Amino acid sequence: MSDTIAAIATAVGAGAVSMVRLSGPDALGICDRVFRGRARPSQSVHKSVLLGEMAAADGGIIDQVMMLVMRSPRSYTGEDVVEITCHGGLAAPRLVLRRLIEEGARPADPGEFTRRAFLNGKMDLAQAEAVCELVQARSEKALRVAASQLKGDLSLRISEAEARLTGHLALIEANIDFPEDEVEAVDRTGLAARLGGIGRDLEALLATRARGKLIKDGIDAAIVGRPNVGKSSLFNRLVGADRVMVSDVPGTTRDVVDASVAVDGLVVNLHDTAGVLEAVDGIERAAVERTWKAVEESDLVLVVLDAAAPMDTVDEALLEQAAGRRRLAVFNKVDLGDAGGHVPECLEVRVSALAGLGIEDLRARIRRIAEDLAGDVAGEILINERHAMCLEEAVEALERGRLALLDDLPLELAASDVRAALAALGGVTGSRATENLLDEIFSRFCIGK
């Protein structure tokens, strides 16, 4: 990392201020060449804030700026870092960035600042991923989970497991290398139990994968029903905007329409689907298939029923299809009458999407279900899919090692399995990360982070 990188670190567009970040061995030298102020950046102490002007190549002034100087190794990346705050908008930050590049900086790749922080030992890979998840958090709970991971809660759990496994591996290898010497003999039954205990601890972390996905990606809620029962009207009410065309003609909605709404610290992804009826052509058949697929993939199903008419076989089929998931029977059109429909063992709510009746009650029901699905995240560690793959590999390796010990197989096999488990855990924290893995992870970051 002999080069110096630069990028705009704030969203481009109208705003009061923008920030341009610079990191690398020549960060202070570049700033000396472009900054006009009472002090030189290269002569400033750590965390100095300098007020001055950014000079253009022709000697003119680009903007009045503030420079925050952070010296290696106490900066975010571990290198010399300068964060330049200029006025917002389109022109100022771009001209500041261009001026830094003219003086020798290179445009940063996505996530390159955080990648340098990882490579310089400022954070491990799980914490680096948390930076991206913080930036992309769509809800308060997702933000809190990412903040916990950035603090190192997951890394600590993994490190504890690694330390225990390293100790067990040392004992096994000592018995392999020095079988005749006075070393502690391996208690196969006791060691197998300890490996099993570590495996169960990792399985407890694995069990958080589903909730982690719910909190980070949002809770998927499908709105289903017969044609013309008011699904799209209900969708528009919940979203708070006319996202879907509403018509008295059955079959107006032919595809799934998506929108997300915030519900008390969570995100609920609403999916308005095509009305379920006996398909008469290829397009309608495909639309109904998408509806069934949405039901299968959803965490919550809102089955919309006509309150003013008796339920029919299509209604019953929809309720049965949704029975394996959280479901809510929404009797719509109560402004036109109430036929007294009832769905045993199912939460119910009566509304009028047209008149706005019962909508707050519906929102409250959705909120309670969402909170129940997500649970309380305070103090919890929730893993992502990549972590889960590493942990599954570690659990499988530990189980092989445990069985090798109990079956009185050569200690070399148990040692190999413990090493495999350590390698898998190293994939979570990045101690054994490959360049390809780093490329894949940091490519998901925004430029400037």
Protein backbone atom coordinates (compact mmCIF):
# COMPACT_ATOMS: atom_id res chain seq x y z
CA MET A 1 0.00 0.00 0.00
CA SER A 2 2.56 2.51 -1.16
CA ASP A 3 0.03 4.74 -2.94
CA THR A 4 -2.30 7.38 -1.53
CA ILE A 5 -6.02 7.10 -2.20
CA ALA A 6 -8.77 9.72 -2.22
CA ALA A 7 -12.55 9.68 -2.54
CA ILE A 8 -15.67 11.69 -1.77
CA ALA A 9 -16.99 10.10 1.43
CA THR A 10 -20.43 11.76 1.53
CA ALA A 11 -23.40 11.46 -0.80
CA VAL A 12 -23.05 13.65 -3.86
CA GLY A 13 -25.77 16.26 -4.24
CA ALA A 14 -27.27 19.35 -2.67
CA GLY A 15 -26.26 19.72 0.97
CA ALA A 16 -24.56 21.98 3.47
CA VAL A 17 -21.19 20.21 3.49
CA SER A 18 -19.32 17.34 1.84
CA MET A 19 -16.26 15.42 2.95
CA VAL A 20 -13.36 14.16 0.86
CA ARG A 21 -11.11 11.55 2.45
CA LEU A 22 -7.41 11.01 1.74
CA SER A 23 -5.28 8.13 3.08
CA GLY A 24 -1.75 6.96 2.45
CA PRO A 25 1.94 7.78 2.85
CA ASP A 26 1.74 11.02 0.86
CA ALA A 27 -1.59 12.26 2.29
CA LEU A 28 0.04 15.06 4.31
CA GLY A 29 2.44 16.02 1.52
CA ILE A 30 -0.40 16.32 -1.00
CA CYS A 31 -2.38 18.49 1.42
CA ASP A 32 0.68 20.73 1.96
CA ARG A 33 0.68 21.40 -1.78
CA VAL A 34 -3.02 22.27 -2.08
CA PHE A 35 -3.84 23.92 1.25
CA ARG A 36 -3.49 27.58 2.17
CA GLY A 37 -3.77 28.23 5.86
CA ARG A 38 -1.91 29.32 8.98
CA ALA A 39 -0.44 25.83 9.53
CA ARG A 40 0.91 23.10 7.26
CA PRO A 41 -0.84 19.74 7.50
CA SER A 42 2.49 17.87 7.58
CA GLN A 43 3.56 19.86 10.66
CA SER A 44 0.28 19.36 12.53
CA VAL A 45 -0.23 16.94 15.40
CA HIS A 46 -2.75 14.11 15.46
CA LYS A 47 -6.39 15.27 15.35
CA SER A 48 -5.53 18.83 14.33
CA VAL A 49 -8.31 20.80 12.63
CA LEU A 50 -7.07 23.39 10.11
CA LEU A 51 -9.17 26.11 8.48
CA GLY A 52 -8.02 27.50 5.14
CA GLU A 53 -8.48 27.39 1.39
CA MET A 54 -8.14 24.68 -1.22
CA ALA A 55 -5.95 26.10 -3.98
CA ALA A 56 -6.57 25.34 -7.65
CA ALA A 57 -3.76 24.38 -10.00
CA ASP A 58 -3.80 27.86 -11.55
CA GLY A 59 -3.43 29.54 -8.16
CA GLY A 60 -7.10 30.36 -7.73
CA ILE A 61 -9.33 29.20 -4.90
CA ILE A 62 -11.59 26.15 -5.15
CA ASP A 63 -13.32 26.48 -1.77
CA GLN A 64 -12.86 27.33 1.87
CA VAL A 65 -12.25 24.05 3.68
CA MET A 66 -11.50 22.44 7.02
CA MET A 67 -8.87 19.71 7.24
CA LEU A 68 -8.90 17.11 10.00
CA VAL A 69 -5.43 15.55 10.26
CA MET A 70 -5.13 12.03 11.69
CA ARG A 71 -1.66 10.58 11.88
CA SER A 72 -0.57 6.97 11.49
CA PRO A 73 -1.12 4.61 13.23
CA ARG A 74 -4.00 6.18 15.17
CA SER A 75 -6.29 6.80 12.21
CA TYR A 76 -9.16 4.74 10.79
CA THR A 77 -6.94 3.09 8.16
CA GLY A 78 -3.76 3.02 10.23
CA GLU A 79 -2.16 5.37 7.69
CA ASP A 80 -1.91 9.15 7.59
CA VAL A 81 -5.46 10.30 6.89
CA VAL A 82 -6.85 13.75 6.09
CA GLU A 83 -10.57 14.41 5.93
CA ILE A 84 -11.36 17.58 4.02
CA THR A 85 -14.73 19.21 4.68
CA CYS A 86 -15.88 21.55 1.93
CA HIS A 87 -19.21 23.01 0.90
CA GLY A 88 -21.81 20.59 -0.42
CA GLY A 89 -23.30 20.33 -3.87
CA LEU A 90 -21.91 18.83 -7.04
CA ALA A 91 -19.01 21.11 -7.95
CA ALA A 92 -17.02 21.70 -4.74
CA PRO A 93 -16.32 18.10 -3.65
CA ARG A 94 -15.57 16.98 -7.19
CA LEU A 95 -13.10 19.81 -7.74
CA VAL A 96 -11.44 19.11 -4.40
CA LEU A 97 -11.10 15.43 -5.32
CA ARG A 98 -9.76 16.25 -8.76
CA ARG A 99 -7.17 18.58 -7.22
CA LEU A 100 -5.94 15.82 -4.90
CA ILE A 101 -5.63 13.44 -7.84
CA GLU A 102 -3.69 16.06 -9.79
CA GLU A 103 -1.18 16.12 -6.94
CA GLY A 104 -0.64 12.36 -6.95
CA ALA A 105 -3.53 10.66 -5.18
CA ARG A 106 -5.32 7.73 -6.78
CA PRO A 107 -9.13 7.38 -6.85
CA ALA A 108 -10.10 4.86 -4.17
CA ASP A 109 -11.84 1.61 -5.03
CA PRO A 110 -15.11 0.70 -3.25
CA GLY A 111 -14.41 -0.09 0.39
CA GLU A 112 -10.69 0.53 0.03
CA PHE A 113 -10.37 2.69 3.17
CA THR A 114 -11.92 -0.07 5.28
CA ARG A 115 -9.88 -2.71 3.46
CA ARG A 116 -6.71 -0.84 4.46
CA ALA A 117 -8.01 -0.65 8.03
CA PHE A 118 -8.38 -4.45 8.00
CA LEU A 119 -4.99 -5.07 6.41
CA ASN A 120 -3.33 -2.72 8.91
CA GLY A 121 -4.88 -4.55 11.87
CA LYS A 122 -7.32 -1.81 12.90
CA MET A 123 -10.24 -4.26 12.74
CA ASP A 124 -10.91 -7.85 11.76
CA LEU A 125 -13.01 -8.97 8.81
CA ALA A 126 -16.24 -9.38 10.79
CA GLN A 127 -15.88 -5.82 12.05
CA ALA A 128 -15.09 -4.57 8.55
CA GLU A 129 -18.30 -6.18 7.26
CA ALA A 130 -20.15 -4.44 10.08
CA VAL A 131 -19.03 -1.08 8.69
CA CYS A 132 -20.80 -1.89 5.43
CA GLU A 133 -23.87 -3.15 7.28
CA LEU A 134 -24.00 0.06 9.35
CA VAL A 135 -24.01 2.17 6.19
CA GLN A 136 -26.66 -0.03 4.55
CA ALA A 137 -28.84 -0.50 7.64
CA ARG A 138 -32.51 0.01 6.76
CA SER A 139 -33.86 0.00 10.30
CA GLU A 140 -32.94 0.84 13.87
CA LYS A 141 -32.60 -2.82 14.85
CA ALA A 142 -30.34 -3.54 11.88
CA LEU A 143 -28.20 -0.59 12.92
CA ARG A 144 -27.93 -1.88 16.49
CA VAL A 145 -26.91 -5.36 15.32
CA ALA A 146 -24.22 -3.91 13.03
CA ALA A 147 -22.96 -1.65 15.82
CA SER A 148 -22.60 -4.67 18.12
CA GLN A 149 -20.61 -6.50 15.46
CA LEU A 150 -18.42 -3.45 14.83
CA LYS A 151 -17.69 -3.28 18.56
CA GLY A 152 -16.30 -6.80 18.26
CA ASP A 153 -18.94 -8.91 20.03
CA LEU A 154 -18.96 -11.61 17.33
CA SER A 155 -15.18 -11.50 16.99
CA LEU A 156 -14.81 -12.06 20.73
CA ARG A 157 -17.01 -15.18 20.62
CA ILE A 158 -14.98 -16.55 17.71
CA SER A 159 -11.68 -15.71 19.38
CA GLU A 160 -12.74 -17.54 22.55
CA ALA A 161 -13.55 -20.67 20.52
CA GLU A 162 -10.24 -20.38 18.64
CA ALA A 163 -8.28 -20.10 21.91
CA ARG A 164 -9.92 -23.22 23.33
CA LEU A 165 -9.35 -25.19 20.13
CA THR A 166 -5.73 -24.08 19.93
CA GLY A 167 -5.13 -25.42 23.43
CA HIS A 168 -6.76 -28.76 22.58
CA LEU A 169 -4.78 -29.00 19.34
CA ALA A 170 -1.51 -28.37 21.18
CA LEU A 171 -2.25 -31.28 23.52
CA ILE A 172 -3.12 -33.61 20.63
CA GLU A 173 0.01 -32.66 18.68
CA ALA A 174 2.22 -33.09 21.75
CA ASN A 175 0.97 -36.67 22.08
CA ILE A 176 1.58 -37.26 18.37
CA ASP A 177 5.11 -35.80 18.35
CA PHE A 178 6.32 -37.02 21.74
CA PRO A 179 4.40 -40.20 22.56
CA GLU A 180 7.14 -41.54 24.82
CA ASP A 181 7.84 -38.31 26.74
CA GLU A 182 6.22 -37.10 29.90
CA VAL A 183 3.39 -35.10 28.35
CA GLU A 184 -0.21 -35.04 29.47
CA ALA A 185 -1.97 -37.99 27.87
CA VAL A 186 -5.06 -37.32 25.82
CA ASP A 187 -8.26 -38.21 27.64
CA ARG A 188 -10.19 -39.12 24.51
CA THR A 189 -13.62 -39.13 26.14
CA GLY A 190 -13.05 -35.83 27.95
CA LEU A 191 -11.56 -34.12 24.90
CA ALA A 192 -14.41 -35.38 22.70
CA ALA A 193 -16.87 -33.83 25.16
CA ARG A 194 -14.99 -30.53 25.06
CA LEU A 195 -15.00 -30.47 21.26
CA GLY A 196 -18.70 -31.22 21.36
CA GLY A 197 -19.25 -28.31 23.75
CA ILE A 198 -17.45 -25.90 21.42
CA GLY A 199 -19.53 -27.26 18.54
CA ARG A 200 -22.73 -26.57 20.47
CA ASP A 201 -21.59 -23.01 21.19
CA LEU A 202 -21.04 -22.48 17.48
CA GLU A 203 -24.42 -24.03 16.69
CA ALA A 204 -26.02 -21.48 19.01
CA LEU A 205 -24.46 -18.75 16.90
CA LEU A 206 -25.65 -20.52 13.74
CA ALA A 207 -29.20 -20.48 15.08
CA THR A 208 -29.21 -16.67 14.83
CA ARG A 209 -28.84 -16.70 11.04
CA ALA A 210 -32.56 -16.58 10.24
CA ARG A 211 -33.25 -13.70 12.65
CA GLY A 212 -30.18 -11.88 11.42
CA LYS A 213 -31.54 -12.02 7.88
CA LEU A 214 -34.97 -10.80 9.03
CA ILE A 215 -33.49 -7.80 10.81
CA LYS A 216 -30.96 -6.87 8.14
CA ASP A 217 -33.08 -7.50 5.03
CA GLY A 218 -36.52 -6.85 6.49
CA ILE A 219 -39.62 -8.98 7.06
CA ASP A 220 -41.33 -10.11 3.85
CA ALA A 221 -45.11 -9.74 3.89
CA ALA A 222 -47.17 -10.97 0.92
CA ILE A 223 -50.61 -9.50 0.28
CA VAL A 224 -52.73 -12.19 -1.40
CA GLY A 225 -56.36 -12.75 -2.24
CA ARG A 226 -58.96 -13.23 -4.95
CA PRO A 227 -59.18 -10.67 -7.75
CA ASN A 228 -60.87 -7.39 -6.84
CA VAL A 229 -60.90 -7.87 -3.05
CA GLY A 230 -58.87 -4.66 -2.63
CA LYS A 231 -55.32 -5.95 -2.30
CA SER A 232 -53.78 -3.06 -4.23
CA SER A 233 -55.88 -0.48 -2.37
CA LEU A 234 -54.70 -1.98 0.89
CA PHE A 235 -51.09 -2.00 -0.35
CA ASN A 236 -51.34 1.69 -1.26
CA ARG A 237 -52.80 2.51 2.18
CA LEU A 238 -49.98 0.75 3.99
CA VAL A 239 -47.30 2.30 1.81
CA GLY A 240 -48.87 5.74 2.04
CA ALA A 241 -48.76 6.36 -1.72
CA ASP A 242 -50.54 5.24 -4.88
CA ARG A 243 -47.90 2.73 -5.97
CA VAL A 244 -50.33 0.35 -7.68
CA MET A 245 -53.10 1.12 -10.17
CA VAL A 246 -56.50 0.36 -8.67
CA SER A 247 -59.41 -0.72 -10.89
CA ASP A 248 -62.77 -2.49 -10.58
CA VAL A 249 -61.67 -4.75 -13.44
CA PRO A 250 -60.41 -8.07 -12.00
CA GLY A 251 -56.81 -9.00 -12.81
CA THR A 252 -55.37 -5.47 -12.95
CA THR A 253 -52.27 -6.57 -11.04
CA ARG A 254 -50.35 -9.15 -13.10
CA ASP A 255 -46.98 -9.07 -11.33
CA VAL A 256 -45.66 -8.71 -7.80
CA VAL A 257 -45.20 -5.07 -6.77
CA ASP A 258 -42.82 -4.34 -3.90
CA ALA A 259 -42.41 -1.52 -1.38
CA SER A 260 -40.83 -1.23 2.06
CA VAL A 261 -42.24 0.53 5.11
CA ALA A 262 -40.65 1.26 8.48
CA VAL A 263 -42.39 -0.33 11.46
CA ASP A 264 -40.99 0.60 14.89
CA GLY A 265 -37.32 -0.05 14.25
CA LEU A 266 -37.89 -2.75 11.62
CA VAL A 267 -38.43 -2.85 7.87
CA VAL A 268 -41.44 -4.67 6.43
CA ASN A 269 -41.19 -5.47 2.71
CA LEU A 270 -44.72 -5.53 1.30
CA HIS A 271 -45.44 -7.56 -1.85
CA ASP A 272 -48.72 -6.90 -3.67
CA THR A 273 -49.56 -9.97 -5.73
CA ALA A 274 -51.84 -10.93 -8.56
CA GLY A 275 -55.33 -12.13 -7.65
CA VAL A 276 -55.67 -15.89 -7.43
CA LEU A 277 -58.24 -17.34 -9.81
CA GLU A 278 -58.46 -20.21 -12.21
CA ALA A 279 -55.98 -19.21 -14.90
CA VAL A 280 -57.32 -18.98 -18.42
CA ASP A 281 -54.20 -17.93 -20.35
CA GLY A 282 -50.45 -18.06 -20.07
CA ILE A 283 -50.04 -14.59 -18.58
CA GLU A 284 -52.62 -15.16 -15.84
CA ARG A 285 -51.16 -18.57 -15.10
CA ALA A 286 -47.68 -17.06 -14.69
CA ALA A 287 -49.07 -14.30 -12.48
CA VAL A 288 -50.77 -16.80 -10.17
CA GLU A 289 -47.57 -18.87 -9.97
CA ARG A 290 -45.70 -15.77 -8.82
CA THR A 291 -48.35 -15.24 -6.14
CA TRP A 292 -47.90 -18.78 -4.80
CA LYS A 293 -44.13 -18.29 -4.84
CA ALA A 294 -44.49 -15.06 -2.86
CA VAL A 295 -46.54 -16.90 -0.25
CA GLU A 296 -43.90 -19.62 0.08
CA GLU A 297 -41.06 -17.11 0.50
CA SER A 298 -42.80 -14.72 2.90
CA ASP A 299 -42.48 -14.46 6.66
CA LEU A 300 -45.99 -13.03 6.95
CA VAL A 301 -49.01 -13.47 4.67
CA LEU A 302 -51.87 -10.99 4.63
CA VAL A 303 -54.82 -12.92 3.19
CA VAL A 304 -57.29 -10.30 1.99
CA LEU A 305 -60.93 -11.43 2.07
CA ASP A 306 -64.16 -9.70 1.03
CA ALA A 307 -65.94 -8.86 4.29
CA ALA A 308 -69.20 -8.20 2.45
CA ALA A 309 -69.40 -11.67 0.84
CA PRO A 310 -69.09 -15.27 2.04
CA MET A 311 -65.71 -16.97 1.65
CA ASP A 312 -65.32 -19.32 -1.31
CA THR A 313 -62.95 -22.17 -2.21
CA VAL A 314 -60.21 -19.80 -3.46
CA ASP A 315 -60.22 -17.99 -0.10
CA GLU A 316 -59.95 -21.31 1.70
CA ALA A 317 -57.10 -22.44 -0.58
CA LEU A 318 -55.17 -19.23 0.12
CA LEU A 319 -55.64 -19.57 3.87
CA GLU A 320 -54.51 -23.19 3.74
CA GLN A 321 -51.45 -22.32 1.63
CA ALA A 322 -50.47 -19.65 4.17
CA ALA A 323 -51.04 -21.90 7.18
CA GLY A 324 -47.36 -22.79 7.44
CA ARG A 325 -46.44 -19.14 7.97
CA ARG A 326 -47.52 -16.26 10.12
CA ARG A 327 -50.82 -15.23 8.57
CA LEU A 328 -53.35 -12.49 9.11
CA ALA A 329 -56.86 -12.62 7.70
CA VAL A 330 -57.74 -9.10 6.52
CA PHE A 331 -61.49 -8.71 5.92
CA ASN A 332 -61.69 -5.72 3.58
CA LYS A 333 -64.66 -3.64 2.38
CA VAL A 334 -66.43 -3.47 5.75
CA ASP A 335 -67.90 -0.18 4.52
CA LEU A 336 -70.04 -2.29 2.15
CA GLY A 337 -71.22 -4.70 4.83
CA ASP A 338 -69.99 -7.54 6.97
CA ALA A 339 -71.02 -11.12 6.18
CA GLY A 340 -69.55 -12.28 9.48
CA GLY A 341 -66.74 -14.34 8.00
CA HIS A 342 -64.39 -15.97 10.49
CA VAL A 343 -61.14 -17.92 10.19
CA PRO A 344 -60.50 -20.29 13.10
CA GLU A 345 -57.04 -20.18 14.70
CA CYS A 346 -56.01 -17.13 12.67
CA LEU A 347 -55.52 -13.50 13.62
CA GLU A 348 -58.19 -11.32 12.03
CA VAL A 349 -58.69 -7.65 11.36
CA ARG A 350 -61.55 -5.83 9.62
CA VAL A 351 -60.78 -2.81 7.44
CA SER A 352 -61.91 -0.65 4.59
CA ALA A 353 -58.94 0.25 2.40
CA LEU A 354 -61.18 2.67 0.48
CA ALA A 355 -62.48 4.55 3.53
CA GLY A 356 -59.38 4.08 5.68
CA LEU A 357 -61.27 2.22 8.40
CA GLY A 358 -59.26 -0.14 10.61
CA ILE A 359 -55.95 0.64 8.92
CA GLU A 360 -54.24 1.66 12.17
CA ASP A 361 -55.45 -1.56 13.76
CA LEU A 362 -53.95 -3.47 10.82
CA ARG A 363 -50.65 -1.63 11.19
CA ALA A 364 -50.61 -2.47 14.90
CA ARG A 365 -51.18 -6.16 14.14
CA ILE A 366 -48.36 -6.16 11.58
CA ARG A 367 -46.10 -4.37 14.07
CA ARG A 368 -46.74 -6.97 16.78
CA ILE A 369 -46.09 -9.86 14.40
CA ALA A 370 -42.91 -8.20 13.10
CA GLU A 371 -41.62 -7.62 16.62
CA ASP A 372 -42.38 -11.21 17.53
CA LEU A 373 -40.50 -12.49 14.47
CA ALA A 374 -37.47 -10.26 15.07
CA GLY A 375 -37.35 -10.43 18.86
CA ASP A 376 -35.22 -8.21 21.07
CA VAL A 377 -31.75 -7.58 19.63
CA ALA A 378 -30.30 -5.93 22.74
CA GLY A 379 -26.98 -7.60 23.48
CA GLU A 380 -27.53 -10.26 20.79
CA ILE A 381 -25.05 -11.44 18.19
CA LEU A 382 -26.68 -12.17 14.83
CA ILE A 383 -24.59 -13.66 12.05
CA ASN A 384 -24.83 -13.20 8.29
CA GLU A 385 -24.84 -15.84 5.57
CA ARG A 386 -21.06 -15.79 5.05
CA HIS A 387 -20.44 -16.28 8.76
CA ALA A 388 -22.96 -19.13 8.76
CA MET A 389 -21.09 -20.98 6.01
CA CYS A 390 -17.83 -20.72 7.99
CA LEU A 391 -19.50 -21.84 11.22
CA GLU A 392 -21.19 -24.80 9.54
CA GLU A 393 -17.82 -25.92 8.23
CA ALA A 394 -16.30 -25.58 11.72
CA VAL A 395 -19.15 -27.52 13.37
CA GLU A 396 -18.83 -30.36 10.85
CA ALA A 397 -15.05 -30.55 11.39
CA LEU A 398 -15.48 -30.65 15.18
CA GLU A 399 -18.03 -33.43 14.91
CA ARG A 400 -15.60 -35.47 12.79
CA GLY A 401 -12.87 -34.86 15.34
CA ARG A 402 -15.14 -35.81 18.23
CA LEU A 403 -16.09 -39.10 16.56
CA ALA A 404 -12.46 -39.84 15.69
CA LEU A 405 -11.55 -39.56 19.37
CA LEU A 406 -14.45 -41.73 20.53
CA ASP A 407 -13.81 -44.36 17.84
CA ASP A 408 -10.15 -44.62 18.91
CA LEU A 409 -8.91 -43.56 15.46
CA PRO A 410 -5.36 -42.19 15.07
CA LEU A 411 -4.83 -38.83 16.78
CA GLU A 412 -3.60 -37.43 13.49
CA LEU A 413 -7.18 -37.52 12.20
CA ALA A 414 -8.54 -35.60 15.19
CA ALA A 415 -5.71 -33.06 14.85
CA SER A 416 -6.56 -32.56 11.18
CA ASP A 417 -10.22 -31.96 12.02
CA VAL A 418 -9.40 -29.42 14.74
CA ARG A 419 -7.11 -27.57 12.29
CA ALA A 420 -9.96 -27.54 9.77
CA ALA A 421 -12.30 -26.05 12.39
CA LEU A 422 -9.72 -23.36 13.22
CA ALA A 423 -9.34 -22.54 9.52
CA ALA A 424 -13.11 -22.19 9.17
CA LEU A 425 -13.33 -19.87 12.18
CA GLY A 426 -10.46 -17.87 10.72
CA GLY A 427 -12.72 -17.25 7.74
CA VAL A 428 -15.10 -15.27 9.98
CA THR A 429 -12.46 -12.94 11.41
CA GLY A 430 -10.31 -12.88 8.27
CA SER A 431 -7.15 -14.36 9.78
CA ARG A 432 -7.11 -16.81 6.88
CA ALA A 433 -8.86 -14.70 4.25
CA THR A 434 -7.87 -14.96 0.59
CA GLU A 435 -7.53 -12.04 -1.80
CA ASN A 436 -10.58 -13.27 -3.72
CA LEU A 437 -12.68 -13.24 -0.54
CA LEU A 438 -11.50 -9.73 0.33
CA ASP A 439 -12.28 -8.56 -3.22
CA GLU A 440 -15.79 -10.00 -2.95
CA ILE A 441 -16.53 -8.47 0.46
CA PHE A 442 -15.15 -4.99 -0.11
CA SER A 443 -16.71 -4.68 -3.56
CA ARG A 444 -20.08 -4.36 -1.74
CA PHE A 445 -18.95 -1.17 -0.03
CA CYS A 446 -19.55 2.31 -1.33
CA ILE A 447 -16.64 4.40 -2.59
CA GLY A 448 -15.20 6.51 0.18
CA LYS A 449 -15.78 4.01 2.99
